[in-house]
């Protein structure tokens, strides 16, 4: 019975590793889509999100079965509970990229915004790519990701840069469009925050110290 439980945990870890890769691919594709008004990349984002949601549902079923049939305790229980939380955060990254893709889809064939605004949005996207890639590597290796506290300042600076681009006198963005574009930027910001949450969950798995904050709202 113990051998079966171990095999199930290995399969769960493999699923999380694949989900991490898909989430990273999604952040890359959506950043490319915003940068180049790329409809093909946008469709890839939609497909990646669909796969992430399917895999999350499968992980959820697997973890529920493990909890019900194997009755894990101590570290094993922490592993199972943390795994489903990480899967949830990865699925939310997929949702964020899918939402961002809708902006590109609606604007096509035009860019989503004037060039200075697109540049600011892409900078946020590149940060999301970096952070999701980092935690993806941590999910694959199981190694602790240290929270150095720099994410918040970096995100704040890039969000301020986006705000400046949107409100510049020569931006050519009306109030309604500025709100939409700020919401688009927030999708990248949320991807970074979900990645930070995953880092804290991996720290919890490694140390047993509970994450300081709860899951982000959907």
N, C-alpha and C. Protein backbone atom coordinates (compact mmCIF):
# COMPACT_ATOMS: atom_id res chain seq x y z
N UNK A 1 0.83 -1.20 0.00
CA UNK A 1 0.00 0.00 0.00
C UNK A 1 0.87 1.26 0.00
N UNK A 2 1.97 1.18 0.77
CA UNK A 2 2.89 2.30 0.82
C UNK A 2 3.54 2.53 -0.54
N UNK A 3 3.87 1.43 -1.23
CA UNK A 3 4.47 1.55 -2.55
C UNK A 3 3.51 2.23 -3.52
N UNK A 4 2.25 1.88 -3.46
CA UNK A 4 1.25 2.50 -4.32
C UNK A 4 1.14 3.99 -4.03
N UNK A 5 1.17 4.34 -2.74
CA UNK A 5 1.09 5.75 -2.37
C UNK A 5 2.28 6.52 -2.93
N UNK A 6 3.48 5.93 -2.83
CA UNK A 6 4.68 6.58 -3.34
C UNK A 6 4.60 6.78 -4.85
N UNK A 7 4.10 5.77 -5.55
CA UNK A 7 3.94 5.88 -7.00
C UNK A 7 2.95 6.98 -7.37
N UNK A 8 1.88 7.09 -6.60
CA UNK A 8 0.89 8.13 -6.84
C UNK A 8 1.48 9.51 -6.62
N UNK A 9 2.32 9.65 -5.61
CA UNK A 9 2.98 10.94 -5.35
C UNK A 9 3.93 11.30 -6.49
N UNK A 10 4.63 10.31 -7.01
CA UNK A 10 5.53 10.55 -8.14
C UNK A 10 4.74 11.03 -9.35
N UNK A 11 3.61 10.38 -9.63
CA UNK A 11 2.77 10.79 -10.74
C UNK A 11 2.23 12.20 -10.54
N UNK A 12 1.85 12.51 -9.31
CA UNK A 12 1.36 13.85 -9.00
C UNK A 12 2.45 14.89 -9.24
N UNK A 13 3.67 14.58 -8.80
CA UNK A 13 4.80 15.49 -9.00
C UNK A 13 5.08 15.69 -10.48
N UNK A 14 4.98 14.61 -11.25
CA UNK A 14 5.20 14.71 -12.70
C UNK A 14 4.14 15.61 -13.35
N UNK A 15 2.90 15.47 -12.89
CA UNK A 15 1.82 16.32 -13.42
C UNK A 15 2.09 17.79 -13.11
N UNK A 16 2.55 18.06 -11.90
CA UNK A 16 2.83 19.45 -11.52
C UNK A 16 3.98 20.02 -12.35
N UNK A 17 4.98 19.19 -12.62
CA UNK A 17 6.09 19.64 -13.45
C UNK A 17 5.61 20.00 -14.84
N UNK A 18 4.74 19.16 -15.42
CA UNK A 18 4.19 19.46 -16.74
C UNK A 18 3.33 20.71 -16.70
N UNK A 19 2.50 20.85 -15.67
CA UNK A 19 1.68 22.05 -15.54
C UNK A 19 2.55 23.30 -15.46
N UNK A 20 3.67 23.20 -14.76
CA UNK A 20 4.58 24.34 -14.64
C UNK A 20 5.12 24.75 -16.00
N UNK A 21 5.47 23.74 -16.81
CA UNK A 21 5.97 24.04 -18.16
C UNK A 21 4.88 24.69 -19.01
N UNK A 22 3.67 24.18 -18.90
CA UNK A 22 2.56 24.76 -19.66
C UNK A 22 2.30 26.20 -19.24
N UNK A 23 2.34 26.46 -17.93
CA UNK A 23 2.12 27.81 -17.43
C UNK A 23 3.22 28.75 -17.93
N UNK A 24 4.45 28.26 -17.94
CA UNK A 24 5.55 29.07 -18.44
C UNK A 24 5.38 29.35 -19.93
N UNK A 25 5.02 28.32 -20.68
CA UNK A 25 4.76 28.51 -22.11
C UNK A 25 3.65 29.54 -22.33
N UNK A 26 2.61 29.47 -21.51
CA UNK A 26 1.49 30.40 -21.66
C UNK A 26 1.91 31.84 -21.42
N UNK A 27 2.76 32.06 -20.40
CA UNK A 27 3.22 33.43 -20.15
C UNK A 27 4.12 33.92 -21.28
N UNK A 28 4.92 33.02 -21.85
CA UNK A 28 5.74 33.41 -22.99
C UNK A 28 4.88 33.77 -24.20
N UNK A 29 3.90 32.92 -24.49
CA UNK A 29 3.08 33.14 -25.68
C UNK A 29 2.23 34.41 -25.57
N UNK A 30 1.68 34.66 -24.38
CA UNK A 30 0.83 35.84 -24.25
C UNK A 30 1.67 37.11 -24.34
N UNK A 31 2.90 37.06 -23.86
CA UNK A 31 3.78 38.22 -23.98
C UNK A 31 4.12 38.47 -25.46
N UNK A 32 4.38 37.38 -26.18
CA UNK A 32 4.62 37.50 -27.62
C UNK A 32 3.39 38.05 -28.34
N UNK A 33 2.22 37.58 -27.92
CA UNK A 33 0.98 38.02 -28.56
C UNK A 33 0.76 39.51 -28.36
N UNK A 34 0.99 39.99 -27.14
CA UNK A 34 0.83 41.42 -26.87
C UNK A 34 1.88 42.23 -27.63
N UNK A 35 3.11 41.74 -27.66
CA UNK A 35 4.19 42.48 -28.30
C UNK A 35 3.96 42.63 -29.80
N UNK A 36 3.44 41.57 -30.43
CA UNK A 36 3.34 41.59 -31.89
C UNK A 36 1.95 41.52 -32.45
N UNK A 37 0.92 41.74 -31.61
CA UNK A 37 -0.47 41.59 -32.05
C UNK A 37 -0.62 40.25 -32.78
N UNK A 38 -0.07 39.19 -32.16
CA UNK A 38 0.07 37.88 -32.80
C UNK A 38 -1.14 37.01 -32.46
N UNK A 39 -2.02 36.83 -33.44
CA UNK A 39 -3.23 36.06 -33.20
C UNK A 39 -2.93 34.57 -33.05
N UNK A 40 -1.93 34.06 -33.78
CA UNK A 40 -1.56 32.65 -33.67
C UNK A 40 -1.07 32.34 -32.25
N UNK A 41 -0.25 33.24 -31.69
CA UNK A 41 0.22 33.05 -30.32
C UNK A 41 -0.94 33.12 -29.34
N UNK A 42 -1.91 33.96 -29.63
CA UNK A 42 -3.09 34.07 -28.77
C UNK A 42 -3.87 32.76 -28.74
N UNK A 43 -4.04 32.14 -29.90
CA UNK A 43 -4.73 30.85 -29.96
C UNK A 43 -3.95 29.78 -29.17
N UNK A 44 -2.62 29.86 -29.23
CA UNK A 44 -1.81 28.93 -28.44
C UNK A 44 -2.07 29.12 -26.95
N UNK A 45 -2.20 30.38 -26.54
CA UNK A 45 -2.49 30.67 -25.13
C UNK A 45 -3.82 30.03 -24.72
N UNK A 46 -4.82 30.16 -25.55
CA UNK A 46 -6.13 29.57 -25.25
C UNK A 46 -6.02 28.05 -25.11
N UNK A 47 -5.24 27.43 -26.00
CA UNK A 47 -5.07 25.98 -25.95
C UNK A 47 -4.29 25.56 -24.70
N UNK A 48 -3.28 26.32 -24.35
CA UNK A 48 -2.48 26.00 -23.15
C UNK A 48 -3.33 26.13 -21.89
N UNK A 49 -4.16 27.16 -21.84
CA UNK A 49 -5.04 27.31 -20.69
C UNK A 49 -6.00 26.12 -20.58
N UNK A 50 -6.53 25.69 -21.70
CA UNK A 50 -7.45 24.54 -21.68
C UNK A 50 -6.76 23.31 -21.13
N UNK A 51 -5.52 23.08 -21.55
CA UNK A 51 -4.76 21.93 -21.03
C UNK A 51 -4.50 22.08 -19.53
N UNK A 52 -4.17 23.28 -19.11
CA UNK A 52 -3.92 23.52 -17.68
C UNK A 52 -5.16 23.23 -16.85
N UNK A 53 -6.32 23.66 -17.34
CA UNK A 53 -7.55 23.41 -16.58
C UNK A 53 -7.88 21.92 -16.53
N UNK A 54 -7.63 21.22 -17.62
CA UNK A 54 -7.85 19.78 -17.63
C UNK A 54 -6.92 19.07 -16.66
N UNK A 55 -5.66 19.49 -16.66
CA UNK A 55 -4.69 18.86 -15.76
C UNK A 55 -4.98 19.19 -14.31
N UNK A 56 -5.45 20.41 -14.05
CA UNK A 56 -5.82 20.76 -12.68
C UNK A 56 -6.95 19.87 -12.18
N UNK A 57 -7.95 19.65 -13.03
CA UNK A 57 -9.06 18.78 -12.65
C UNK A 57 -8.56 17.37 -12.36
N UNK A 58 -7.62 16.88 -13.17
CA UNK A 58 -7.07 15.55 -12.95
C UNK A 58 -6.27 15.48 -11.66
N UNK A 59 -5.47 16.53 -11.39
CA UNK A 59 -4.69 16.58 -10.14
C UNK A 59 -5.61 16.63 -8.93
N UNK A 60 -6.69 17.39 -9.05
CA UNK A 60 -7.65 17.50 -7.96
C UNK A 60 -8.26 16.14 -7.66
N UNK A 61 -8.63 15.40 -8.69
CA UNK A 61 -9.20 14.07 -8.50
C UNK A 61 -8.17 13.13 -7.88
N UNK A 62 -6.92 13.21 -8.34
CA UNK A 62 -5.87 12.34 -7.81
C UNK A 62 -5.62 12.62 -6.33
N UNK A 63 -5.55 13.90 -5.97
CA UNK A 63 -5.28 14.24 -4.57
C UNK A 63 -6.45 13.85 -3.67
N UNK A 64 -7.67 14.02 -4.16
CA UNK A 64 -8.82 13.61 -3.36
C UNK A 64 -8.82 12.10 -3.12
N UNK A 65 -8.42 11.34 -4.14
CA UNK A 65 -8.34 9.89 -3.99
C UNK A 65 -7.25 9.51 -3.00
N UNK A 66 -6.12 10.21 -3.07
CA UNK A 66 -5.03 9.93 -2.12
C UNK A 66 -5.46 10.21 -0.68
N UNK A 67 -6.13 11.32 -0.49
CA UNK A 67 -6.58 11.67 0.86
C UNK A 67 -7.62 10.68 1.38
N UNK A 68 -8.50 10.24 0.50
CA UNK A 68 -9.58 9.36 0.93
C UNK A 68 -9.13 7.91 1.13
N UNK A 69 -8.25 7.44 0.26
CA UNK A 69 -7.91 6.01 0.26
C UNK A 69 -6.61 5.69 0.98
N UNK A 70 -5.68 6.64 1.01
CA UNK A 70 -4.37 6.36 1.60
C UNK A 70 -4.20 6.94 3.01
N UNK A 71 -5.04 7.91 3.37
CA UNK A 71 -4.98 8.55 4.69
C UNK A 71 -3.56 8.94 5.09
N UNK A 72 -2.90 9.79 4.29
CA UNK A 72 -1.52 10.17 4.61
C UNK A 72 -1.43 11.01 5.88
N UNK A 73 -0.27 10.96 6.51
CA UNK A 73 -0.04 11.75 7.72
C UNK A 73 1.28 12.48 7.59
N UNK A 74 1.49 13.46 8.48
CA UNK A 74 2.74 14.21 8.59
C UNK A 74 3.18 14.77 7.24
N UNK A 75 4.45 14.52 6.86
CA UNK A 75 4.98 15.13 5.64
C UNK A 75 4.23 14.67 4.40
N UNK A 76 3.78 13.42 4.38
CA UNK A 76 3.04 12.94 3.22
C UNK A 76 1.75 13.74 3.03
N UNK A 77 1.08 14.03 4.13
CA UNK A 77 -0.14 14.83 4.05
C UNK A 77 0.19 16.23 3.55
N UNK A 78 1.28 16.79 4.07
CA UNK A 78 1.70 18.12 3.63
C UNK A 78 2.00 18.13 2.13
N UNK A 79 2.61 17.06 1.65
CA UNK A 79 2.94 16.95 0.24
C UNK A 79 1.68 16.96 -0.62
N UNK A 80 0.68 16.17 -0.22
CA UNK A 80 -0.55 16.07 -1.01
C UNK A 80 -1.30 17.40 -1.00
N UNK A 81 -1.46 17.99 0.18
CA UNK A 81 -2.21 19.24 0.28
C UNK A 81 -1.51 20.37 -0.46
N UNK A 82 -0.19 20.43 -0.32
CA UNK A 82 0.56 21.47 -1.02
C UNK A 82 0.48 21.29 -2.53
N UNK A 83 0.51 20.05 -2.98
CA UNK A 83 0.46 19.77 -4.41
C UNK A 83 -0.81 20.32 -5.04
N UNK A 84 -1.95 20.11 -4.40
CA UNK A 84 -3.19 20.60 -5.01
C UNK A 84 -3.25 22.12 -4.97
N UNK A 85 -2.64 22.73 -3.94
CA UNK A 85 -2.59 24.19 -3.91
C UNK A 85 -1.71 24.74 -5.02
N UNK A 86 -0.57 24.09 -5.26
CA UNK A 86 0.31 24.52 -6.36
C UNK A 86 -0.40 24.35 -7.69
N UNK A 87 -1.08 23.22 -7.86
CA UNK A 87 -1.84 23.00 -9.10
C UNK A 87 -2.87 24.10 -9.31
N UNK A 88 -3.52 24.51 -8.23
CA UNK A 88 -4.50 25.58 -8.31
C UNK A 88 -3.89 26.90 -8.74
N UNK A 89 -2.71 27.22 -8.21
CA UNK A 89 -2.05 28.46 -8.60
C UNK A 89 -1.62 28.42 -10.07
N UNK A 90 -1.14 27.25 -10.53
CA UNK A 90 -0.76 27.12 -11.93
C UNK A 90 -1.97 27.25 -12.85
N UNK A 91 -3.10 26.69 -12.42
CA UNK A 91 -4.31 26.83 -13.24
C UNK A 91 -4.74 28.29 -13.31
N UNK A 92 -4.54 29.03 -12.24
CA UNK A 92 -4.90 30.45 -12.24
C UNK A 92 -3.99 31.25 -13.16
N UNK A 93 -2.71 30.86 -13.24
CA UNK A 93 -1.83 31.52 -14.20
C UNK A 93 -2.37 31.31 -15.61
N UNK A 94 -2.83 30.08 -15.89
CA UNK A 94 -3.45 29.82 -17.19
C UNK A 94 -4.64 30.73 -17.45
N UNK A 95 -5.48 30.90 -16.44
CA UNK A 95 -6.65 31.77 -16.58
C UNK A 95 -6.25 33.21 -16.82
N UNK A 96 -5.20 33.67 -16.14
CA UNK A 96 -4.73 35.05 -16.33
C UNK A 96 -4.27 35.26 -17.77
N UNK A 97 -3.51 34.29 -18.29
CA UNK A 97 -3.01 34.45 -19.65
C UNK A 97 -4.16 34.38 -20.66
N UNK A 98 -5.15 33.53 -20.39
CA UNK A 98 -6.31 33.44 -21.28
C UNK A 98 -7.08 34.75 -21.29
N UNK A 99 -7.26 35.36 -20.12
CA UNK A 99 -7.94 36.66 -20.05
C UNK A 99 -7.16 37.72 -20.82
N UNK A 100 -5.84 37.72 -20.67
CA UNK A 100 -5.01 38.68 -21.41
C UNK A 100 -5.14 38.44 -22.91
N UNK A 101 -5.23 37.19 -23.29
CA UNK A 101 -5.36 36.86 -24.71
C UNK A 101 -6.63 37.41 -25.32
N UNK A 102 -7.68 37.53 -24.52
CA UNK A 102 -8.93 38.08 -25.04
C UNK A 102 -8.75 39.52 -25.51
N UNK A 103 -7.89 40.27 -24.83
CA UNK A 103 -7.63 41.66 -25.24
C UNK A 103 -6.96 41.69 -26.62
N UNK A 104 -5.98 40.80 -26.81
CA UNK A 104 -5.29 40.73 -28.10
C UNK A 104 -6.27 40.30 -29.19
N UNK A 105 -7.10 39.33 -28.88
CA UNK A 105 -8.07 38.80 -29.85
C UNK A 105 -9.03 39.90 -30.30
N UNK A 106 -9.54 40.67 -29.34
CA UNK A 106 -10.52 41.71 -29.68
C UNK A 106 -9.89 42.85 -30.47
N UNK A 107 -8.62 43.15 -30.19
CA UNK A 107 -7.96 44.27 -30.87
C UNK A 107 -7.45 43.90 -32.26
N UNK A 108 -7.19 42.63 -32.51
CA UNK A 108 -6.59 42.20 -33.78
C UNK A 108 -7.42 42.69 -34.97
N UNK A 109 -6.76 43.16 -36.05
CA UNK A 109 -5.32 43.09 -36.33
C UNK A 109 -4.51 44.25 -35.78
N UNK A 110 -5.17 45.15 -35.08
CA UNK A 110 -4.44 46.28 -34.49
C UNK A 110 -3.70 45.83 -33.23
N UNK A 111 -2.62 46.52 -32.85
CA UNK A 111 -2.00 46.27 -31.55
C UNK A 111 -2.99 46.60 -30.43
N UNK A 112 -2.77 46.05 -29.26
CA UNK A 112 -3.68 46.32 -28.15
C UNK A 112 -3.58 47.76 -27.67
N UNK A 113 -2.46 48.43 -27.98
CA UNK A 113 -2.23 49.79 -27.47
C UNK A 113 -1.13 50.47 -28.28
N UNK A 114 -0.97 51.78 -28.11
CA UNK A 114 0.17 52.47 -28.73
C UNK A 114 1.49 51.88 -28.26
N UNK A 115 2.54 52.08 -29.02
CA UNK A 115 3.83 51.45 -28.79
C UNK A 115 4.38 51.63 -27.37
N UNK A 116 4.34 52.84 -26.77
CA UNK A 116 4.90 52.99 -25.42
C UNK A 116 4.14 52.14 -24.38
N UNK A 117 2.85 52.02 -24.56
CA UNK A 117 2.05 51.22 -23.63
C UNK A 117 2.35 49.73 -23.83
N UNK A 118 2.45 49.32 -25.09
CA UNK A 118 2.79 47.92 -25.36
C UNK A 118 4.15 47.58 -24.75
N UNK A 119 5.10 48.49 -24.85
CA UNK A 119 6.43 48.25 -24.26
C UNK A 119 6.33 48.03 -22.75
N UNK A 120 5.50 48.84 -22.09
CA UNK A 120 5.32 48.68 -20.64
C UNK A 120 4.63 47.36 -20.31
N UNK A 121 3.65 46.98 -21.12
CA UNK A 121 2.95 45.71 -20.90
C UNK A 121 3.89 44.52 -21.10
N UNK A 122 4.72 44.60 -22.13
CA UNK A 122 5.66 43.52 -22.41
C UNK A 122 6.68 43.37 -21.28
N UNK A 123 7.09 44.50 -20.68
CA UNK A 123 8.01 44.43 -19.55
C UNK A 123 7.39 43.65 -18.39
N UNK A 124 6.10 43.88 -18.14
CA UNK A 124 5.40 43.10 -17.11
C UNK A 124 5.33 41.63 -17.52
N UNK A 125 5.07 41.38 -18.80
CA UNK A 125 5.02 40.00 -19.28
C UNK A 125 6.35 39.29 -19.12
N UNK A 126 7.44 39.99 -19.40
CA UNK A 126 8.77 39.38 -19.26
C UNK A 126 9.08 39.05 -17.81
N UNK A 127 8.61 39.90 -16.90
CA UNK A 127 8.79 39.58 -15.48
C UNK A 127 8.00 38.33 -15.11
N UNK A 128 6.78 38.24 -15.63
CA UNK A 128 5.96 37.05 -15.37
C UNK A 128 6.64 35.79 -15.90
N UNK A 129 7.20 35.88 -17.11
CA UNK A 129 7.92 34.73 -17.69
C UNK A 129 9.04 34.29 -16.77
N UNK A 130 9.82 35.26 -16.28
CA UNK A 130 10.95 34.94 -15.41
C UNK A 130 10.49 34.28 -14.11
N UNK A 131 9.47 34.85 -13.47
CA UNK A 131 9.04 34.34 -12.17
C UNK A 131 8.38 32.96 -12.30
N UNK A 132 7.56 32.79 -13.33
CA UNK A 132 6.91 31.48 -13.53
C UNK A 132 7.96 30.43 -13.89
N UNK A 133 8.96 30.83 -14.66
CA UNK A 133 10.04 29.90 -14.99
C UNK A 133 10.82 29.47 -13.75
N UNK A 134 11.07 30.40 -12.86
CA UNK A 134 11.80 30.08 -11.63
C UNK A 134 11.06 29.06 -10.77
N UNK A 135 9.79 29.32 -10.55
CA UNK A 135 9.05 28.39 -9.68
C UNK A 135 8.81 27.07 -10.39
N UNK A 136 8.74 27.10 -11.73
CA UNK A 136 8.61 25.85 -12.47
C UNK A 136 9.82 24.96 -12.23
N UNK A 137 11.01 25.56 -12.22
CA UNK A 137 12.22 24.79 -11.94
C UNK A 137 12.19 24.25 -10.51
N UNK A 138 11.66 25.04 -9.59
CA UNK A 138 11.57 24.60 -8.20
C UNK A 138 10.58 23.45 -8.04
N UNK A 139 9.47 23.52 -8.77
CA UNK A 139 8.49 22.42 -8.73
C UNK A 139 9.13 21.14 -9.24
N UNK A 140 9.92 21.25 -10.30
CA UNK A 140 10.54 20.07 -10.91
C UNK A 140 11.59 19.45 -10.01
N UNK A 141 12.34 20.28 -9.28
CA UNK A 141 13.45 19.77 -8.46
C UNK A 141 13.07 19.57 -7.00
N UNK A 142 12.01 20.26 -6.56
CA UNK A 142 11.64 20.19 -5.15
C UNK A 142 12.52 21.02 -4.25
N UNK A 143 13.38 21.84 -4.84
CA UNK A 143 14.30 22.66 -4.05
C UNK A 143 13.62 23.95 -3.60
N UNK A 144 14.00 24.40 -2.44
CA UNK A 144 13.41 25.59 -1.85
C UNK A 144 13.69 26.82 -2.70
N UNK A 145 12.64 27.61 -2.92
CA UNK A 145 12.79 28.91 -3.59
C UNK A 145 12.74 29.98 -2.52
N UNK A 146 13.82 30.70 -2.37
CA UNK A 146 13.87 31.75 -1.36
C UNK A 146 13.07 32.95 -1.81
N UNK A 147 12.26 33.49 -0.90
CA UNK A 147 11.51 34.72 -1.19
C UNK A 147 12.36 35.89 -0.73
N UNK A 148 13.02 36.56 -1.70
CA UNK A 148 13.95 37.64 -1.34
C UNK A 148 13.26 38.98 -1.20
N UNK A 149 11.94 39.01 -1.41
CA UNK A 149 11.19 40.24 -1.20
C UNK A 149 11.32 41.25 -2.30
N UNK A 150 11.93 40.87 -3.43
CA UNK A 150 12.13 41.85 -4.51
C UNK A 150 10.96 41.91 -5.48
N UNK A 151 10.12 40.88 -5.50
CA UNK A 151 9.04 40.84 -6.48
C UNK A 151 8.12 42.05 -6.37
N UNK A 152 7.74 42.40 -5.13
CA UNK A 152 6.79 43.49 -4.94
C UNK A 152 7.31 44.80 -5.49
N UNK A 153 8.57 45.15 -5.18
CA UNK A 153 9.14 46.39 -5.66
C UNK A 153 9.24 46.40 -7.18
N UNK A 154 9.65 45.28 -7.76
CA UNK A 154 9.78 45.21 -9.21
C UNK A 154 8.43 45.38 -9.88
N UNK A 155 7.43 44.67 -9.40
CA UNK A 155 6.09 44.78 -9.96
C UNK A 155 5.57 46.20 -9.80
N UNK A 156 5.78 46.79 -8.64
CA UNK A 156 5.30 48.15 -8.40
C UNK A 156 5.94 49.12 -9.38
N UNK A 157 7.23 48.96 -9.63
CA UNK A 157 7.92 49.85 -10.56
C UNK A 157 7.39 49.70 -11.98
N UNK A 158 7.13 48.46 -12.39
CA UNK A 158 6.63 48.24 -13.75
C UNK A 158 5.18 48.69 -13.89
N UNK A 159 4.39 48.53 -12.83
CA UNK A 159 3.01 49.03 -12.88
C UNK A 159 3.00 50.56 -12.94
N UNK A 160 3.92 51.19 -12.23
CA UNK A 160 4.03 52.65 -12.29
C UNK A 160 4.44 53.09 -13.69
N UNK A 161 5.32 52.32 -14.31
CA UNK A 161 5.74 52.62 -15.68
C UNK A 161 4.55 52.52 -16.64
N UNK A 162 3.72 51.50 -16.45
CA UNK A 162 2.53 51.35 -17.28
C UNK A 162 1.57 52.51 -17.07
N UNK A 163 1.38 52.91 -15.81
CA UNK A 163 0.48 54.03 -15.50
C UNK A 163 0.97 55.31 -16.17
N UNK A 164 2.28 55.52 -16.12
CA UNK A 164 2.86 56.71 -16.76
C UNK A 164 2.62 56.70 -18.26
N UNK A 165 2.79 55.52 -18.87
CA UNK A 165 2.57 55.41 -20.31
C UNK A 165 1.11 55.65 -20.68
N UNK A 166 0.21 55.19 -19.83
CA UNK A 166 -1.22 55.34 -20.12
C UNK A 166 -1.71 56.77 -19.94
N UNK A 167 -1.07 57.50 -19.03
CA UNK A 167 -1.56 58.85 -18.71
C UNK A 167 -0.73 59.96 -19.35
N UNK A 168 0.26 59.59 -20.14
CA UNK A 168 1.06 60.62 -20.80
C UNK A 168 0.18 61.46 -21.72
N UNK A 169 0.41 62.78 -21.79
CA UNK A 169 -0.42 63.66 -22.62
C UNK A 169 -0.52 63.23 -24.07
N UNK A 170 0.56 62.63 -24.59
CA UNK A 170 0.57 62.24 -26.00
C UNK A 170 0.30 60.74 -26.18
N UNK A 171 -0.25 60.09 -25.15
CA UNK A 171 -0.45 58.64 -25.22
C UNK A 171 -1.51 58.26 -26.23
N UNK A 172 -2.50 59.12 -26.41
CA UNK A 172 -3.57 58.80 -27.35
C UNK A 172 -4.48 57.69 -26.86
N UNK A 173 -4.62 57.58 -25.54
CA UNK A 173 -5.46 56.53 -24.94
C UNK A 173 -6.57 57.20 -24.15
N UNK A 174 -7.82 56.93 -24.51
CA UNK A 174 -8.91 57.54 -23.76
C UNK A 174 -9.13 56.79 -22.45
N UNK A 175 -9.99 57.34 -21.60
CA UNK A 175 -10.17 56.80 -20.26
C UNK A 175 -10.62 55.35 -20.27
N UNK A 176 -11.59 55.03 -21.12
CA UNK A 176 -12.11 53.67 -21.18
C UNK A 176 -11.03 52.68 -21.59
N UNK A 177 -10.27 53.03 -22.61
CA UNK A 177 -9.19 52.14 -23.06
C UNK A 177 -8.09 52.04 -22.01
N UNK A 178 -7.82 53.14 -21.32
CA UNK A 178 -6.79 53.12 -20.28
C UNK A 178 -7.17 52.14 -19.17
N UNK A 179 -8.44 52.12 -18.81
CA UNK A 179 -8.89 51.17 -17.77
C UNK A 179 -8.70 49.74 -18.25
N UNK A 180 -9.10 49.48 -19.50
CA UNK A 180 -8.94 48.13 -20.04
C UNK A 180 -7.47 47.71 -20.07
N UNK A 181 -6.61 48.62 -20.48
CA UNK A 181 -5.19 48.29 -20.58
C UNK A 181 -4.54 48.12 -19.21
N UNK A 182 -5.02 48.89 -18.24
CA UNK A 182 -4.54 48.68 -16.87
C UNK A 182 -4.95 47.30 -16.37
N UNK A 183 -6.17 46.88 -16.73
CA UNK A 183 -6.63 45.54 -16.35
C UNK A 183 -5.81 44.46 -17.06
N UNK A 184 -5.45 44.71 -18.31
CA UNK A 184 -4.57 43.78 -19.02
C UNK A 184 -3.24 43.66 -18.30
N UNK A 185 -2.67 44.79 -17.90
CA UNK A 185 -1.42 44.76 -17.15
C UNK A 185 -1.55 43.99 -15.84
N UNK A 186 -2.73 44.10 -15.22
CA UNK A 186 -2.92 43.41 -13.94
C UNK A 186 -2.90 41.90 -14.10
N UNK A 187 -3.20 41.39 -15.31
CA UNK A 187 -3.13 39.95 -15.54
C UNK A 187 -1.68 39.46 -15.42
N UNK A 188 -0.76 40.22 -15.97
CA UNK A 188 0.66 39.88 -15.82
C UNK A 188 1.10 40.01 -14.36
N UNK A 189 0.62 41.06 -13.71
CA UNK A 189 0.95 41.26 -12.30
C UNK A 189 0.48 40.07 -11.47
N UNK A 190 -0.73 39.60 -11.75
CA UNK A 190 -1.26 38.46 -11.02
C UNK A 190 -0.46 37.19 -11.27
N UNK A 191 0.03 37.02 -12.50
CA UNK A 191 0.88 35.86 -12.77
C UNK A 191 2.11 35.85 -11.88
N UNK A 192 2.72 37.03 -11.71
CA UNK A 192 3.87 37.15 -10.82
C UNK A 192 3.48 36.81 -9.38
N UNK A 193 2.32 37.28 -8.96
CA UNK A 193 1.87 37.02 -7.59
C UNK A 193 1.55 35.54 -7.37
N UNK A 194 0.97 34.90 -8.37
CA UNK A 194 0.72 33.46 -8.25
C UNK A 194 2.03 32.69 -8.17
N UNK A 195 3.03 33.13 -8.93
CA UNK A 195 4.34 32.48 -8.87
C UNK A 195 4.96 32.64 -7.48
N UNK A 196 4.82 33.83 -6.90
CA UNK A 196 5.34 34.05 -5.55
C UNK A 196 4.63 33.16 -4.53
N UNK A 197 3.34 32.96 -4.72
CA UNK A 197 2.57 32.07 -3.86
C UNK A 197 3.09 30.64 -3.97
N UNK A 198 3.40 30.19 -5.19
CA UNK A 198 3.94 28.85 -5.38
C UNK A 198 5.27 28.72 -4.66
N UNK A 199 6.11 29.75 -4.74
CA UNK A 199 7.40 29.72 -4.04
C UNK A 199 7.20 29.54 -2.54
N UNK A 200 6.20 30.22 -1.98
CA UNK A 200 5.94 30.08 -0.55
C UNK A 200 5.41 28.68 -0.22
N UNK A 201 4.64 28.10 -1.13
CA UNK A 201 4.13 26.75 -0.90
C UNK A 201 5.26 25.72 -0.93
N UNK A 202 6.22 25.92 -1.82
CA UNK A 202 7.37 25.02 -1.86
C UNK A 202 8.19 25.15 -0.58
N UNK A 203 8.29 26.37 -0.09
CA UNK A 203 8.97 26.58 1.19
C UNK A 203 8.24 25.86 2.31
N UNK A 204 6.92 25.91 2.28
CA UNK A 204 6.11 25.19 3.27
C UNK A 204 6.36 23.69 3.20
N UNK A 205 6.40 23.16 2.00
CA UNK A 205 6.65 21.73 1.82
C UNK A 205 8.01 21.34 2.37
N UNK A 206 8.98 22.23 2.18
CA UNK A 206 10.35 21.93 2.60
C UNK A 206 10.56 22.10 4.10
N UNK A 207 9.90 23.09 4.69
CA UNK A 207 10.18 23.44 6.09
C UNK A 207 9.03 23.18 7.05
N UNK A 208 7.80 23.09 6.52
CA UNK A 208 6.64 22.97 7.40
C UNK A 208 6.13 24.29 7.92
N UNK A 209 6.78 25.40 7.50
CA UNK A 209 6.33 26.74 7.92
C UNK A 209 5.21 27.18 6.99
N UNK A 210 4.01 27.44 7.50
CA UNK A 210 2.87 27.78 6.63
C UNK A 210 3.14 29.07 5.85
N UNK A 211 2.62 29.16 4.61
CA UNK A 211 2.74 30.40 3.84
C UNK A 211 2.12 31.56 4.60
N UNK A 212 2.69 32.74 4.42
CA UNK A 212 2.23 33.91 5.18
C UNK A 212 0.89 34.43 4.69
N UNK A 213 0.57 34.17 3.40
CA UNK A 213 -0.66 34.70 2.83
C UNK A 213 -1.44 33.60 2.17
N UNK A 214 -2.75 33.82 2.01
CA UNK A 214 -3.61 32.83 1.39
C UNK A 214 -3.57 32.93 -0.13
N UNK A 215 -4.35 32.08 -0.78
CA UNK A 215 -4.43 32.09 -2.23
C UNK A 215 -5.04 33.41 -2.71
N UNK A 216 -4.62 33.82 -3.87
CA UNK A 216 -5.16 35.02 -4.48
C UNK A 216 -6.57 34.74 -4.98
N UNK A 217 -7.43 35.73 -5.03
CA UNK A 217 -8.76 35.52 -5.56
C UNK A 217 -8.71 35.21 -7.04
N UNK A 218 -9.68 34.43 -7.50
CA UNK A 218 -9.75 34.10 -8.93
C UNK A 218 -10.14 35.31 -9.74
